[in-house]
Amino acid sequence: MLIVFLWKATQGYGILTSCGTDAVFLVLAGQAAKQGLLMLEIKRALGELKLILA
């Protein structure tokens, strides 16, 4: 189950997602970042991180 918390601030985004059972993955991005591309990259990175953490 993927849990995502997304918040937007004046200078960009913060995205916190679950990364396995004992870890979270925090991404901070500037306001110029495209939200859709950011989510795709997060999904790709999570796949790699879960393999490492397993």
PDB file of N, CA and C in Angstrom:
ATOM      1  N   MET A   1       0.845  -1.176   0.000  1.00  0.00           N
ATOM      2  CA  MET A   1       0.000   0.000   0.000  1.00  0.00           C
ATOM      3  C   MET A   1       0.888   1.236   0.000  1.00  0.00           C
ATOM      4  N   LEU A   2       0.625   2.139  -0.917  1.00  0.00           N
ATOM      5  CA  LEU A   2       1.417   3.360  -1.047  1.00  0.00           C
ATOM      6  C   LEU A   2       0.681   4.510  -0.366  1.00  0.00           C
ATOM      7  N   ILE A   3       1.348   5.135   0.565  1.00  0.00           N
ATOM      8  CA  ILE A   3       0.783   6.289   1.261  1.00  0.00           C
ATOM      9  C   ILE A   3       1.580   7.511   0.825  1.00  0.00           C
ATOM     10  N   VAL A   4       0.887   8.539   0.367  1.00  0.00           N
ATOM     11  CA  VAL A   4       1.561   9.738  -0.127  1.00  0.00           C
ATOM     12  C   VAL A   4       0.978  10.959   0.569  1.00  0.00           C
ATOM     13  N   PHE A   5       1.869  11.796   1.084  1.00  0.00           N
ATOM     14  CA  PHE A   5       1.480  13.098   1.608  1.00  0.00           C
ATOM     15  C   PHE A   5       2.148  14.141   0.720  1.00  0.00           C
ATOM     16  N   LEU A   6       1.357  15.021   0.146  1.00  0.00           N
ATOM     17  CA  LEU A   6       1.866  16.058  -0.737  1.00  0.00           C
ATOM     18  C   LEU A   6       1.461  17.404  -0.187  1.00  0.00           C
ATOM     19  N   TRP A   7       2.433  18.291  -0.058  1.00  0.00           N
ATOM     20  CA  TRP A   7       2.079  19.639   0.338  1.00  0.00           C
ATOM     21  C   TRP A   7       2.817  20.622  -0.541  1.00  0.00           C
ATOM     22  N   LYS A   8       2.159  21.744  -0.797  1.00  0.00           N
ATOM     23  CA  LYS A   8       2.740  22.781  -1.623  1.00  0.00           C
ATOM     24  C   LYS A   8       2.993  23.999  -0.749  1.00  0.00           C
ATOM     25  N   ALA A   9       4.194  24.527  -0.854  1.00  0.00           N
ATOM     26  CA  ALA A   9       4.565  25.724  -0.117  1.00  0.00           C
ATOM     27  C   ALA A   9       4.897  26.819  -1.129  1.00  0.00           C
ATOM     28  N   THR A  10       5.260  27.969  -0.630  1.00  0.00           N
ATOM     29  CA  THR A  10       5.544  29.088  -1.520  1.00  0.00           C
ATOM     30  C   THR A  10       6.770  28.842  -2.394  1.00  0.00           C
ATOM     31  N   GLN A  11       7.700  28.017  -1.941  1.00  0.00           N
ATOM     32  CA  GLN A  11       8.931  27.793  -2.706  1.00  0.00           C
ATOM     33  C   GLN A  11       9.000  26.420  -3.360  1.00  0.00           C
ATOM     34  N   GLY A  12       7.947  25.618  -3.269  1.00  0.00           N
ATOM     35  CA  GLY A  12       7.975  24.318  -3.928  1.00  0.00           C
ATOM     36  C   GLY A  12       7.074  23.292  -3.280  1.00  0.00           C
ATOM     37  N   TYR A  13       7.456  22.022  -3.444  1.00  0.00           N
ATOM     38  CA  TYR A  13       6.652  20.897  -2.984  1.00  0.00           C
ATOM     39  C   TYR A  13       7.414  20.053  -1.974  1.00  0.00           C
ATOM     40  N   GLY A  14       6.667  19.384  -1.136  1.00  0.00           N
ATOM     41  CA  GLY A  14       7.198  18.356  -0.268  1.00  0.00           C
ATOM     42  C   GLY A  14       6.341  17.120  -0.462  1.00  0.00           C
ATOM     43  N   ILE A  15       6.970  15.997  -0.691  1.00  0.00           N
ATOM     44  CA  ILE A  15       6.240  14.747  -0.908  1.00  0.00           C
ATOM     45  C   ILE A  15       6.845  13.685  -0.003  1.00  0.00           C
ATOM     46  N   LEU A  16       6.009  13.081   0.821  1.00  0.00           N
ATOM     47  CA  LEU A  16       6.437  12.039   1.753  1.00  0.00           C
ATOM     48  C   LEU A  16       5.683  10.763   1.402  1.00  0.00           C
ATOM     49  N   THR A  17       6.431   9.706   1.118  1.00  0.00           N
ATOM     50  CA  THR A  17       5.809   8.435   0.751  1.00  0.00           C
ATOM     51  C   THR A  17       6.368   7.304   1.594  1.00  0.00           C
ATOM     52  N   SER A  18       5.599   6.248   1.717  1.00  0.00           N
ATOM     53  CA  SER A  18       6.092   5.065   2.415  1.00  0.00           C
ATOM     54  C   SER A  18       7.062   4.334   1.491  1.00  0.00           C
ATOM     55  N   CYS A  19       8.064   3.753   2.107  1.00  0.00           N
ATOM     56  CA  CYS A  19       9.093   3.027   1.342  1.00  0.00           C
ATOM     57  C   CYS A  19       9.380   1.731   2.102  1.00  0.00           C
ATOM     58  N   GLY A  20       8.486   0.791   1.975  1.00  0.00           N
ATOM     59  CA  GLY A  20       8.596  -0.434   2.758  1.00  0.00           C
ATOM     60  C   GLY A  20       7.858  -0.281   4.081  1.00  0.00           C
ATOM     61  N   THR A  21       8.095  -1.209   4.980  1.00  0.00           N
ATOM     62  CA  THR A  21       7.369  -1.194   6.247  1.00  0.00           C
ATOM     63  C   THR A  21       8.031  -0.325   7.304  1.00  0.00           C
ATOM     64  N   ASP A  22       9.343  -0.094   7.173  1.00  0.00           N
ATOM     65  CA  ASP A  22      10.074   0.626   8.220  1.00  0.00           C
ATOM     66  C   ASP A  22      10.756   1.898   7.740  1.00  0.00           C
ATOM     67  N   ALA A  23      10.400   2.411   6.564  1.00  0.00           N
ATOM     68  CA  ALA A  23      11.091   3.580   6.034  1.00  0.00           C
ATOM     69  C   ALA A  23      10.117   4.504   5.314  1.00  0.00           C
ATOM     70  N   VAL A  24      10.486   5.760   5.244  1.00  0.00           N
ATOM     71  CA  VAL A  24       9.749   6.748   4.456  1.00  0.00           C
ATOM     72  C   VAL A  24      10.727   7.435   3.516  1.00  0.00           C
ATOM     73  N   PHE A  25      10.207   8.008   2.458  1.00  0.00           N
ATOM     74  CA  PHE A  25      11.012   8.681   1.436  1.00  0.00           C
ATOM     75  C   PHE A  25      10.485  10.098   1.304  1.00  0.00           C
ATOM     76  N   LEU A  26      11.330  11.073   1.589  1.00  0.00           N
ATOM     77  CA  LEU A  26      10.945  12.483   1.532  1.00  0.00           C
ATOM     78  C   LEU A  26      11.612  13.130   0.328  1.00  0.00           C
ATOM     79  N   VAL A  27      10.802  13.808  -0.473  1.00  0.00           N
ATOM     80  CA  VAL A  27      11.308  14.525  -1.639  1.00  0.00           C
ATOM     81  C   VAL A  27      10.919  15.988  -1.487  1.00  0.00           C
ATOM     82  N   LEU A  28      11.899  16.858  -1.641  1.00  0.00           N
ATOM     83  CA  LEU A  28      11.661  18.295  -1.656  1.00  0.00           C
ATOM     84  C   LEU A  28      12.016  18.796  -3.051  1.00  0.00           C
ATOM     85  N   ALA A  29      11.117  19.546  -3.662  1.00  0.00           N
ATOM     86  CA  ALA A  29      11.342  20.022  -5.025  1.00  0.00           C
ATOM     87  C   ALA A  29      10.941  21.484  -5.125  1.00  0.00           C
ATOM     88  N   GLY A  30      11.621  22.202  -5.965  1.00  0.00           N
ATOM     89  CA  GLY A  30      11.313  23.606  -6.189  1.00  0.00           C
ATOM     90  C   GLY A  30      10.016  23.771  -6.959  1.00  0.00           C
ATOM     91  N   GLN A  31       9.521  24.985  -6.988  1.00  0.00           N
ATOM     92  CA  GLN A  31       8.225  25.242  -7.625  1.00  0.00           C
ATOM     93  C   GLN A  31       8.272  25.068  -9.144  1.00  0.00           C
ATOM     94  N   ALA A  32       9.455  25.048  -9.743  1.00  0.00           N
ATOM     95  CA  ALA A  32       9.570  24.851 -11.189  1.00  0.00           C
ATOM     96  C   ALA A  32       9.374  23.382 -11.578  1.00  0.00           C
ATOM     97  N   ALA A  33       9.400  22.473 -10.621  1.00  0.00           N
ATOM     98  CA  ALA A  33       9.248  21.042 -10.908  1.00  0.00           C
ATOM     99  C   ALA A  33       7.834  20.746 -11.404  1.00  0.00           C
ATOM    100  N   LYS A  34       7.753  19.879 -12.390  1.00  0.00           N
ATOM    101  CA  LYS A  34       6.455  19.424 -12.907  1.00  0.00           C
ATOM    102  C   LYS A  34       5.969  18.288 -12.022  1.00  0.00           C
ATOM    103  N   GLN A  35       4.784  18.431 -11.478  1.00  0.00           N
ATOM    104  CA  GLN A  35       4.270  17.468 -10.507  1.00  0.00           C
ATOM    105  C   GLN A  35       4.149  16.058 -11.084  1.00  0.00           C
ATOM    106  N   GLY A  36       3.685  15.924 -12.301  1.00  0.00           N
ATOM    107  CA  GLY A  36       3.529  14.604 -12.911  1.00  0.00           C
ATOM    108  C   GLY A  36       4.862  13.891 -13.092  1.00  0.00           C
ATOM    109  N   LEU A  37       5.863  14.621 -13.606  1.00  0.00           N
ATOM    110  CA  LEU A  37       7.192  14.033 -13.784  1.00  0.00           C
ATOM    111  C   LEU A  37       7.821  13.687 -12.447  1.00  0.00           C
ATOM    112  N   LEU A  38       7.576  14.528 -11.472  1.00  0.00           N
ATOM    113  CA  LEU A  38       8.099  14.287 -10.136  1.00  0.00           C
ATOM    114  C   LEU A  38       7.541  12.980  -9.567  1.00  0.00           C
ATOM    115  N   MET A  39       6.246  12.766  -9.731  1.00  0.00           N
ATOM    116  CA  MET A  39       5.632  11.541  -9.221  1.00  0.00           C
ATOM    117  C   MET A  39       6.158  10.305  -9.962  1.00  0.00           C
ATOM    118  N   LEU A  40       6.402  10.423 -11.267  1.00  0.00           N
ATOM    119  CA  LEU A  40       6.976   9.297 -12.014  1.00  0.00           C
ATOM    120  C   LEU A  40       8.374   8.962 -11.518  1.00  0.00           C
ATOM    121  N   GLU A  41       9.189   9.962 -11.277  1.00  0.00           N
ATOM    122  CA  GLU A  41      10.546   9.731 -10.777  1.00  0.00           C
ATOM    123  C   GLU A  41      10.523   9.143  -9.364  1.00  0.00           C
ATOM    124  N   ILE A  42       9.587   9.592  -8.551  1.00  0.00           N
ATOM    125  CA  ILE A  42       9.456   9.048  -7.197  1.00  0.00           C
ATOM    126  C   ILE A  42       9.087   7.568  -7.270  1.00  0.00           C
ATOM    127  N   LYS A  43       8.157   7.233  -8.155  1.00  0.00           N
ATOM    128  CA  LYS A  43       7.739   5.837  -8.307  1.00  0.00           C
ATOM    129  C   LYS A  43       8.929   4.973  -8.739  1.00  0.00           C
ATOM    130  N   ARG A  44       9.744   5.460  -9.675  1.00  0.00           N
ATOM    131  CA  ARG A  44      10.922   4.731 -10.137  1.00  0.00           C
ATOM    132  C   ARG A  44      11.929   4.553  -9.003  1.00  0.00           C
ATOM    133  N   ALA A  45      12.195   5.644  -8.277  1.00  0.00           N
ATOM    134  CA  ALA A  45      13.159   5.589  -7.180  1.00  0.00           C
ATOM    135  C   ALA A  45      12.679   4.661  -6.065  1.00  0.00           C
ATOM    136  N   LEU A  46      11.387   4.667  -5.775  1.00  0.00           N
ATOM    137  CA  LEU A  46      10.850   3.793  -4.734  1.00  0.00           C
ATOM    138  C   LEU A  46      11.061   2.323  -5.083  1.00  0.00           C
ATOM    139  N   GLY A  47      10.897   1.985  -6.354  1.00  0.00           N
ATOM    140  CA  GLY A  47      11.131   0.607  -6.779  1.00  0.00           C
ATOM    141  C   GLY A  47      12.559   0.168  -6.491  1.00  0.00           C
ATOM    142  N   GLU A  48      13.520   1.046  -6.779  1.00  0.00           N
ATOM    143  CA  GLU A  48      14.917   0.727  -6.519  1.00  0.00           C
ATOM    144  C   GLU A  48      15.219   0.683  -5.022  1.00  0.00           C
ATOM    145  N   LEU A  49      14.673   1.638  -4.268  1.00  0.00           N
ATOM    146  CA  LEU A  49      14.928   1.684  -2.833  1.00  0.00           C
ATOM    147  C   LEU A  49      14.348   0.472  -2.109  1.00  0.00           C
ATOM    148  N   LYS A  50      13.174   0.044  -2.519  1.00  0.00           N
ATOM    149  CA  LYS A  50      12.562  -1.117  -1.875  1.00  0.00           C
ATOM    150  C   LYS A  50      13.414  -2.372  -2.062  1.00  0.00           C
ATOM    151  N   LEU A  51      14.048  -2.486  -3.236  1.00  0.00           N
ATOM    152  CA  LEU A  51      14.941  -3.634  -3.465  1.00  0.00           C
ATOM    153  C   LEU A  51      16.155  -3.569  -2.544  1.00  0.00           C
ATOM    154  N   ILE A  52      16.686  -2.386  -2.358  1.00  0.00           N
ATOM    155  CA  ILE A  52      17.865  -2.215  -1.503  1.00  0.00           C
ATOM    156  C   ILE A  52      17.518  -2.461  -0.037  1.00  0.00           C
ATOM    157  N   LEU A  53      16.367  -1.992   0.384  1.00  0.00           N
ATOM    158  CA  LEU A  53      15.973  -2.090   1.790  1.00  0.00           C
ATOM    159  C   LEU A  53      15.428  -3.470   2.173  1.00  0.00           C
ATOM    160  N   ALA A  54      15.088  -4.275   1.182  1.00  0.00           N
ATOM    161  CA  ALA A  54      14.505  -5.593   1.468  1.00  0.00           C
ATOM    162  C   ALA A  54      15.520  -6.551   2.048  1.00  0.00           C
TER     163      ALA A  54
END
